[in-house]
Protein backbone atom coordinates (compact mmCIF):
# COMPACT_ATOMS: atom_id res chain seq x y z
CA UNK A 1 51.35 -16.50 -16.49
CA UNK A 2 48.28 -15.27 -14.62
CA UNK A 3 47.00 -17.57 -11.89
CA UNK A 4 43.30 -16.77 -12.39
CA UNK A 5 43.41 -17.06 -16.17
CA UNK A 6 45.04 -20.50 -16.06
CA UNK A 7 42.68 -21.69 -13.33
CA UNK A 8 39.58 -20.69 -15.28
CA UNK A 9 40.88 -22.34 -18.45
CA UNK A 10 41.68 -25.62 -16.67
CA UNK A 11 38.32 -25.63 -14.87
CA UNK A 12 36.63 -25.47 -18.25
CA UNK A 13 38.70 -28.44 -19.45
CA UNK A 14 38.40 -30.57 -16.29
CA UNK A 15 34.79 -30.87 -15.25
CA UNK A 16 34.55 -31.81 -11.58
CA UNK A 17 38.30 -31.52 -10.92
CA UNK A 18 39.66 -28.59 -8.90
CA UNK A 19 42.81 -27.31 -10.69
CA UNK A 20 44.04 -25.12 -7.81
CA UNK A 21 47.05 -27.27 -6.74
CA UNK A 22 48.18 -27.63 -10.36
CA UNK A 23 47.96 -23.88 -10.96
CA UNK A 24 49.65 -23.04 -7.64
CA UNK A 25 52.61 -25.33 -8.33
CA UNK A 26 53.13 -24.21 -11.94
CA UNK A 27 52.72 -20.47 -11.31
CA UNK A 28 55.23 -20.57 -8.49
CA UNK A 29 57.71 -22.60 -10.55
CA UNK A 30 57.25 -20.32 -13.59
CA UNK A 31 58.60 -17.36 -11.60
CA UNK A 32 62.05 -18.98 -11.70
CA UNK A 33 61.65 -21.03 -14.87
CA UNK A 34 60.19 -19.06 -17.82
CA UNK A 35 60.26 -22.17 -20.00
CA UNK A 36 57.16 -23.46 -18.17
CA UNK A 37 54.88 -20.75 -19.56
CA UNK A 38 54.78 -22.08 -23.15
CA UNK A 39 54.24 -25.60 -21.76
CA UNK A 40 51.13 -24.40 -19.96
CA UNK A 41 49.93 -22.39 -22.97
CA UNK A 42 50.26 -25.44 -25.20
CA UNK A 43 48.38 -27.60 -22.67
CA UNK A 44 45.46 -25.20 -22.71
CA UNK A 45 44.97 -25.82 -26.43
CA UNK A 46 44.32 -29.53 -25.89
CA UNK A 47 41.45 -31.64 -24.58
CA UNK A 48 41.06 -32.24 -20.85
CA UNK A 49 42.99 -35.54 -20.63
CA UNK A 50 45.54 -34.29 -23.14
CA UNK A 51 46.19 -31.15 -21.11
CA UNK A 52 46.56 -33.20 -17.93
CA UNK A 53 49.06 -35.55 -19.57
CA UNK A 54 51.02 -32.65 -21.05
CA UNK A 55 51.36 -30.97 -17.63
CA UNK A 56 52.27 -34.15 -15.74
CA UNK A 57 56.04 -33.98 -16.18
CA UNK A 58 56.15 -30.21 -15.65
CA UNK A 59 54.42 -30.59 -12.29
CA UNK A 60 56.52 -33.62 -11.27
CA UNK A 61 59.70 -31.73 -12.11
CA UNK A 62 58.99 -29.14 -9.42
CA UNK A 63 59.66 -31.73 -6.71
CA UNK A 64 63.41 -31.17 -7.13
CA UNK A 65 63.22 -27.43 -6.46
CA UNK A 66 60.45 -27.11 -3.88
CA UNK A 67 60.95 -27.20 -0.12
CA UNK A 68 59.94 -30.53 1.48
CA UNK A 69 56.83 -29.05 3.12
CA UNK A 70 55.73 -27.62 -0.26
CA UNK A 71 56.06 -30.94 -2.07
CA UNK A 72 52.74 -32.05 -0.58
CA UNK A 73 51.04 -29.56 -2.90
CA UNK A 74 52.97 -31.07 -5.80
CA UNK A 75 51.57 -34.50 -4.92
CA UNK A 76 48.06 -33.03 -4.71
CA UNK A 77 48.63 -31.52 -8.15
CA UNK A 78 49.66 -34.90 -9.59
CA UNK A 79 46.56 -36.45 -8.03
CA UNK A 80 44.39 -33.80 -9.70
CA UNK A 81 46.04 -34.47 -13.05
CA UNK A 82 45.27 -38.20 -12.76
CA UNK A 83 41.65 -37.43 -11.90
CA UNK A 84 41.51 -35.14 -14.94
CA UNK A 85 42.42 -38.11 -17.14
CA UNK A 86 46.17 -37.59 -17.46
CA UNK A 87 48.61 -40.47 -18.08
CA UNK A 88 50.79 -40.75 -14.93
CA UNK A 89 53.08 -43.58 -16.03
CA UNK A 90 56.03 -41.28 -16.59
CA UNK A 91 55.87 -39.77 -13.10
CA UNK A 92 55.02 -42.76 -10.90
CA UNK A 93 58.66 -42.99 -9.87
CA UNK A 94 58.42 -39.42 -8.56
CA UNK A 95 55.48 -40.39 -6.36
CA UNK A 96 57.29 -43.47 -5.07
CA UNK A 97 60.35 -41.35 -4.32
CA UNK A 98 58.18 -39.11 -2.15
CA UNK A 99 56.91 -41.97 0.05
CA UNK A 100 58.49 -40.63 3.21
CA UNK A 101 58.14 -37.80 5.69
CA UNK A 102 55.47 -35.18 5.12
CA UNK A 103 54.72 -36.34 1.56
CA UNK A 104 54.10 -40.01 2.42
CA UNK A 105 50.33 -39.71 2.54
CA UNK A 106 49.85 -37.49 -0.51
CA UNK A 107 52.34 -39.47 -2.62
CA UNK A 108 50.60 -42.75 -1.75
CA UNK A 109 47.28 -41.17 -2.73
CA UNK A 110 48.70 -40.45 -6.18
CA UNK A 111 49.55 -44.15 -6.58
CA UNK A 112 46.12 -45.21 -5.30
CA UNK A 113 44.43 -42.84 -7.74
CA UNK A 114 46.53 -44.09 -10.64
CA UNK A 115 45.70 -47.73 -9.90
CA UNK A 116 41.97 -47.05 -9.49
CA UNK A 117 41.95 -45.05 -12.74
CA UNK A 118 43.33 -48.09 -14.56
CA UNK A 119 47.05 -47.32 -14.78
CA UNK A 120 49.56 -50.07 -14.05
CA UNK A 121 51.93 -49.74 -11.06
CA UNK A 122 54.14 -52.52 -12.42
CA UNK A 123 57.16 -50.27 -13.02
CA UNK A 124 57.20 -49.11 -9.38
CA UNK A 125 55.92 -52.20 -7.58
CA UNK A 126 59.29 -53.26 -6.18
CA UNK A 127 60.22 -49.89 -4.61
CA UNK A 128 56.60 -49.48 -3.48
CA UNK A 129 56.86 -52.59 -1.34
CA UNK A 130 60.43 -51.85 -0.23
CA UNK A 131 59.50 -48.44 1.19
CA UNK A 132 59.54 -48.42 4.98
CA UNK A 133 56.50 -46.19 5.47
CA UNK A 134 55.32 -45.48 9.01
CA UNK A 135 53.34 -42.87 10.89
CA UNK A 136 50.76 -40.60 9.28
CA UNK A 137 50.11 -41.77 5.76
CA UNK A 138 50.85 -45.47 6.27
CA UNK A 139 47.15 -46.27 5.71
CA UNK A 140 47.34 -44.77 2.21
CA UNK A 141 50.61 -46.61 1.57
CA UNK A 142 49.03 -49.95 2.47
CA UNK A 143 46.10 -49.07 0.21
CA UNK A 144 48.49 -48.56 -2.72
CA UNK A 145 50.17 -51.87 -1.94
CA UNK A 146 46.87 -53.74 -1.89
CA UNK A 147 45.94 -52.37 -5.31
CA UNK A 148 49.40 -53.23 -6.67
CA UNK A 149 48.93 -56.78 -5.37
CA UNK A 150 45.57 -57.03 -7.12
CA UNK A 151 47.21 -55.86 -10.35
CA UNK A 152 49.91 -58.51 -9.97
CA UNK A 153 47.21 -61.15 -9.60
CA UNK A 154 45.46 -59.96 -12.74
CA UNK A 155 42.39 -58.68 -10.88
CA UNK A 156 41.83 -55.78 -13.27
CA UNK A 157 38.05 -56.24 -13.38
CA UNK A 158 37.96 -56.16 -9.58
CA UNK A 159 39.94 -52.92 -9.55
CA UNK A 160 37.50 -51.37 -12.01
CA UNK A 161 34.68 -52.46 -9.72
CA UNK A 162 36.43 -50.95 -6.71
CA UNK A 163 36.88 -47.69 -8.59
CA UNK A 164 33.13 -47.58 -9.25
CA UNK A 165 32.43 -48.26 -5.58
CA UNK A 166 34.73 -45.47 -4.39
CA UNK A 167 33.29 -42.99 -6.89
CA UNK A 168 29.70 -43.82 -5.86
CA UNK A 169 30.32 -43.30 -2.15
CA UNK A 170 29.54 -39.66 -1.24
CA UNK A 171 31.60 -39.86 1.98
CA UNK A 172 34.54 -41.97 3.14
CA UNK A 173 32.91 -43.61 6.19
CA UNK A 174 33.00 -47.09 4.69
CA UNK A 175 36.42 -46.85 3.02
CA UNK A 176 38.15 -48.91 5.76
CA UNK A 177 35.65 -51.69 5.04
CA UNK A 178 36.39 -51.48 1.32
CA UNK A 179 40.07 -51.78 2.25
CA UNK A 180 39.24 -55.05 4.03
CA UNK A 181 37.46 -56.13 0.85
CA UNK A 182 40.58 -55.38 -1.22
CA UNK A 183 42.69 -57.57 1.07
CA UNK A 184 40.23 -60.44 0.76
CA UNK A 185 40.06 -60.10 -3.04
CA UNK A 186 43.84 -60.62 -3.12
CA UNK A 187 43.58 -63.75 -0.94
CA UNK A 188 42.74 -66.87 -3.01
CA UNK A 189 41.14 -68.56 0.01
CA UNK A 190 38.78 -65.65 0.64
CA UNK A 191 38.30 -64.30 -2.86
CA UNK A 192 34.99 -66.01 -3.70
CA UNK A 193 33.02 -64.35 -0.91
CA UNK A 194 34.80 -61.03 -1.51
CA UNK A 195 33.87 -61.10 -5.21
CA UNK A 196 30.20 -61.53 -4.30
CA UNK A 197 30.43 -58.61 -1.87
CA UNK A 198 32.02 -56.43 -4.55
CA UNK A 199 29.08 -57.11 -6.87
CA UNK A 200 26.62 -56.23 -4.09
CA UNK A 201 28.51 -53.02 -3.35
CA UNK A 202 28.30 -51.92 -6.96
CA UNK A 203 24.58 -52.65 -6.99
CA UNK A 204 24.17 -50.56 -3.81
CA UNK A 205 25.34 -47.54 -5.86
CA UNK A 206 26.59 -45.51 -2.90
CA UNK A 207 23.53 -45.92 -0.65
CA UNK A 208 24.99 -45.87 2.88
CA UNK A 209 22.67 -48.49 4.37
CA UNK A 210 22.87 -50.85 1.40
CA UNK A 211 26.67 -50.58 1.20
CA UNK A 212 26.99 -51.26 4.93
CA UNK A 213 24.77 -54.33 4.66
CA UNK A 214 26.69 -55.58 1.61
CA UNK A 215 29.97 -55.45 3.54
CA UNK A 216 28.73 -57.46 6.56
CA UNK A 217 29.85 -60.94 5.36
CA UNK A 218 33.48 -59.94 4.88
CA UNK A 219 33.51 -57.80 8.03
CA UNK A 220 32.47 -60.80 10.10
CA UNK A 221 35.02 -63.00 8.35
CA UNK A 222 37.83 -60.54 9.12
CA UNK A 223 36.71 -60.14 12.74
CA UNK A 224 36.94 -63.89 13.23
CA UNK A 225 40.12 -64.72 11.34
CA UNK A 226 41.76 -61.60 9.88
CA UNK A 227 45.02 -59.91 10.88
CA UNK A 228 44.90 -57.14 13.46
CA UNK A 229 44.46 -54.27 10.99
CA UNK A 230 41.56 -56.05 9.28
CA UNK A 231 39.83 -56.73 12.60
CA UNK A 232 40.26 -53.10 13.64
CA UNK A 233 38.97 -51.71 10.34
CA UNK A 234 36.13 -54.23 10.21
CA UNK A 235 34.89 -53.21 13.67
CA UNK A 236 35.27 -49.54 12.75
CA UNK A 237 33.17 -50.09 9.62
CA UNK A 238 30.42 -51.84 11.58
CA UNK A 239 30.14 -48.71 13.75
CA UNK A 240 29.41 -46.59 10.67
CA UNK A 241 25.82 -47.84 10.80
CA UNK A 242 25.25 -44.79 13.00
CA UNK A 243 25.10 -42.78 9.75
CA UNK A 244 22.81 -45.18 7.91
CA UNK A 245 19.31 -44.04 7.05
CA UNK A 246 17.68 -47.32 8.10
CA UNK A 247 17.66 -49.08 11.48
CA UNK A 248 19.72 -52.29 11.21
CA UNK A 249 17.20 -54.52 12.99
CA UNK A 250 14.34 -53.21 10.86
CA UNK A 251 15.74 -54.58 7.62
CA UNK A 252 14.21 -57.78 6.30
CA UNK A 253 16.62 -60.72 6.39
CA UNK A 254 19.30 -58.89 8.37
CA UNK A 255 18.55 -60.28 11.84
CA UNK A 256 20.52 -63.52 11.41
CA UNK A 257 23.65 -61.89 9.92
CA UNK A 258 23.55 -59.28 12.67
CA UNK A 259 23.39 -61.97 15.34
CA UNK A 260 26.55 -63.69 14.12
CA UNK A 261 28.27 -60.34 13.53
CA UNK A 262 27.54 -59.23 17.10
CA UNK A 263 28.94 -62.52 18.38
CA UNK A 264 32.13 -61.91 16.38
CA UNK A 265 32.44 -58.44 17.92
CA UNK A 266 31.96 -59.88 21.41
CA UNK A 267 34.74 -62.41 20.79
CA UNK A 268 37.10 -59.54 19.94
CA UNK A 269 36.53 -57.67 23.23
CA UNK A 270 39.16 -59.59 25.25
CA UNK A 271 41.81 -58.82 22.60
CA UNK A 272 44.85 -57.29 24.29
CA UNK A 273 45.56 -55.07 21.28
CA UNK A 274 43.62 -52.06 22.49
CA UNK A 275 42.65 -50.55 19.12
CA UNK A 276 40.92 -53.77 18.05
CA UNK A 277 38.95 -54.10 21.30
CA UNK A 278 38.19 -50.36 21.42
CA UNK A 279 36.67 -50.41 17.93
CA UNK A 280 34.67 -53.57 18.67
CA UNK A 281 33.24 -52.09 21.87
CA UNK A 282 32.41 -48.87 20.04
CA UNK A 283 30.62 -50.84 17.32
CA UNK A 284 28.50 -52.67 19.89
CA UNK A 285 27.57 -49.35 21.50
CA UNK A 286 26.44 -47.95 18.15
CA UNK A 287 24.47 -51.08 17.33
CA UNK A 288 22.71 -50.79 20.69
CA UNK A 289 21.82 -47.17 19.99
CA UNK A 290 20.50 -48.13 16.56
CA UNK A 291 18.17 -50.76 17.96
CA UNK A 292 20.04 -54.04 17.40
CA UNK A 293 19.15 -57.05 19.56
CA UNK A 294 22.06 -57.59 21.98
CA UNK A 295 20.38 -60.26 24.12
CA UNK A 296 23.07 -62.85 23.38
CA UNK A 297 25.80 -60.28 24.16
CA UNK A 298 24.34 -59.21 27.52
CA UNK A 299 26.66 -61.29 29.71
CA UNK A 300 29.81 -60.23 27.85
CA UNK A 301 28.77 -56.56 27.93
CA UNK A 302 28.16 -56.75 31.69
CA UNK A 303 31.62 -58.24 32.17
CA UNK A 304 33.40 -55.66 30.03
CA UNK A 305 31.45 -52.79 31.59
CA UNK A 306 34.00 -53.33 34.40
CA UNK A 307 36.96 -53.58 31.99
CA UNK A 308 40.14 -51.76 33.12
CA UNK A 309 40.55 -50.29 29.62
CA UNK A 310 38.61 -46.99 29.61
CA UNK A 311 37.41 -47.03 26.00
CA UNK A 312 36.16 -50.62 26.24
CA UNK A 313 34.52 -50.00 29.62
CA UNK A 314 32.73 -46.83 28.53
CA UNK A 315 31.41 -48.26 25.25
CA UNK A 316 30.25 -51.55 26.81
CA UNK A 317 28.55 -49.76 29.70
CA UNK A 318 26.63 -47.56 27.28
CA UNK A 319 25.75 -50.51 25.04
CA UNK A 320 24.47 -52.54 27.98
CA UNK A 321 22.35 -49.68 29.33
CA UNK A 322 20.83 -48.88 25.93
CA UNK A 323 20.01 -52.53 25.29
CA UNK A 324 18.53 -53.30 28.72
CA UNK A 325 16.36 -50.20 28.79
CA UNK A 326 14.99 -50.97 25.33
CA UNK A 327 14.41 -54.62 26.32
CA UNK A 328 12.53 -53.55 29.45
CA UNK A 329 15.07 -55.12 31.81
CA UNK A 330 15.92 -51.74 33.34
CA UNK A 331 13.86 -48.62 33.92
CA UNK A 332 14.35 -45.66 31.63
CA UNK A 333 16.21 -42.83 33.35
CA UNK A 334 16.56 -39.08 32.71
CA UNK A 335 19.01 -38.07 29.98
CA UNK A 336 22.61 -38.39 31.14
CA UNK A 337 21.78 -41.01 33.77
CA UNK A 338 22.68 -44.69 33.94
CA UNK A 339 22.17 -47.73 36.14
CA UNK A 340 25.94 -48.37 36.08
CA UNK A 341 29.25 -46.54 35.99
CA UNK A 342 30.36 -45.27 32.62
CA UNK A 343 33.63 -43.37 33.12
CA UNK A 344 34.79 -44.12 36.68
CA UNK A 345 36.72 -47.29 37.55
CA UNK A 346 35.10 -47.51 41.00
CA UNK A 347 32.55 -45.80 43.24
CA UNK A 348 35.30 -44.16 45.28
CA UNK A 349 34.95 -40.34 45.53
CA UNK A 350 37.09 -38.44 43.03
CA UNK A 351 37.79 -35.66 45.55
CA UNK A 352 38.87 -35.45 49.18
CA UNK A 353 36.68 -34.25 50.79
CA UNK A 354 33.98 -35.61 48.44
CA UNK A 355 32.32 -33.16 46.03
CA UNK A 356 28.57 -33.31 45.42
CA UNK A 357 26.15 -32.50 42.60
CA UNK A 358 22.39 -32.83 42.40
CA UNK A 359 21.09 -36.19 41.19
CA UNK A 360 18.82 -35.67 38.15
CA UNK A 361 16.79 -38.76 39.08
CA UNK A 362 15.86 -37.96 42.71
CA UNK A 363 17.33 -34.49 43.42
CA UNK A 364 19.43 -35.81 46.33
CA UNK A 365 23.16 -35.09 46.71
CA UNK A 366 25.25 -37.36 44.47
CA UNK A 367 28.95 -37.98 45.12
CA UNK A 368 31.39 -37.15 42.30
CA UNK A 369 33.39 -40.29 41.40
CA UNK A 370 35.07 -39.09 38.19
CA UNK A 371 36.23 -35.70 36.91
CA UNK A 372 37.74 -34.71 33.54
CA UNK A 373 38.65 -31.26 32.29
CA UNK A 374 39.27 -30.32 28.67
CA UNK A 375 41.22 -27.04 28.48
CA UNK A 376 41.81 -27.12 24.72
CA UNK A 377 39.16 -24.44 24.15
CA UNK A 378 38.94 -20.83 25.35
CA UNK A 379 36.87 -21.97 28.33
CA UNK A 380 37.40 -25.31 30.04
CA UNK A 381 34.88 -28.08 29.45
CA UNK A 382 34.43 -29.89 32.76
CA UNK A 383 32.68 -33.26 32.95
CA UNK A 384 31.97 -35.22 36.12
CA UNK A 385 30.31 -38.53 36.82
CA UNK A 386 28.48 -38.93 40.11
CA UNK A 387 26.73 -41.70 42.04
CA UNK A 388 23.67 -40.99 44.15
CA UNK A 389 23.71 -42.90 47.47
CA UNK A 390 19.94 -42.41 47.79
CA UNK A 391 18.75 -44.01 44.52
CA UNK A 392 21.94 -45.65 43.21
CA UNK A 393 21.76 -43.86 39.86
CA UNK A 394 24.92 -42.67 38.07
CA UNK A 395 24.77 -39.31 36.30
CA UNK A 396 26.92 -37.27 33.93
CA UNK A 397 27.27 -33.49 34.31
CA UNK A 398 28.93 -30.88 32.08
CA UNK A 399 30.00 -27.27 32.57
CA UNK A 400 31.61 -24.91 30.09
CA UNK A 401 31.26 -25.73 26.40
């Protein structure tokens, strides 16, 4: 069985689906199991979905003989077969059995794909929820569980709508927000608003700015009353406006929703669960860069610009500076300069005796108050923050990469 010949034949059958993992798994297995070759030859005589269905069990059967690290490719192959239109119902138990260790993520992706492509997870729902998944891949596992819950609630039309939304999105930036939407669709108390958002998302047809705007109502709702993971993912999704092709404040009718959304983000900042607060602060920083009105968040940003948590402090400091300069409350400074600390916790010198750099604002000697060195590359990337005693300006300096 020649790898290239099979790959070309499957590419012709499966438009838009890369057959490489399927071919890799089957060609390797065929070296020790000659009975696989006629299975593949027969599959190549069928239509695209028929070929995918015919190869499903042959690919799933290789899980028993492959090394654990190689089983990830098997899961990728099953995922490709589902995308090619194959019927995965006979191998769902194989995917559920691989929900651990290095195959957790890829196995969960097979289940997600099957559910979004309209196949029922009913036969594996119980073990799916009993699996104690943790670490890398748990996000995909929770995604599979949300879709299984929607199936149990009879939300088949909603799942079809979600599938259209995922297919229309050219990149995955907003996928965490769609995950929040899935959770709200499965919640009877929040379903009505979520259903309206799903309709708006489908109408947006993958446009980044329109999709982001459509998600805002449920993102705010999750920020105010959702569980920790929803609040984290909602704040993360808000920050994806940095990739939108339209300024958020320039959109007609968006000013009022943005105002309440920003207030919800501000209310999250004191949260002791660092990931939630970190994402909220990062979202506020991005909104400031994109031109949003942060006037009603000014006091909170000033407070958290002194926050002991580095990520919150840095993001709030940047957000406050961007907003105040744009509002005319502070003078515009040279690139890399700020009216307040960004990285350092205090104005105390980072070195003894103090090190100095030239202040970009007034050319006087500025005292280094923070130093970080990244040695992960061939040459170290050194960053320092300095405060100028002469003009009071803080500046950021880089050497290396």
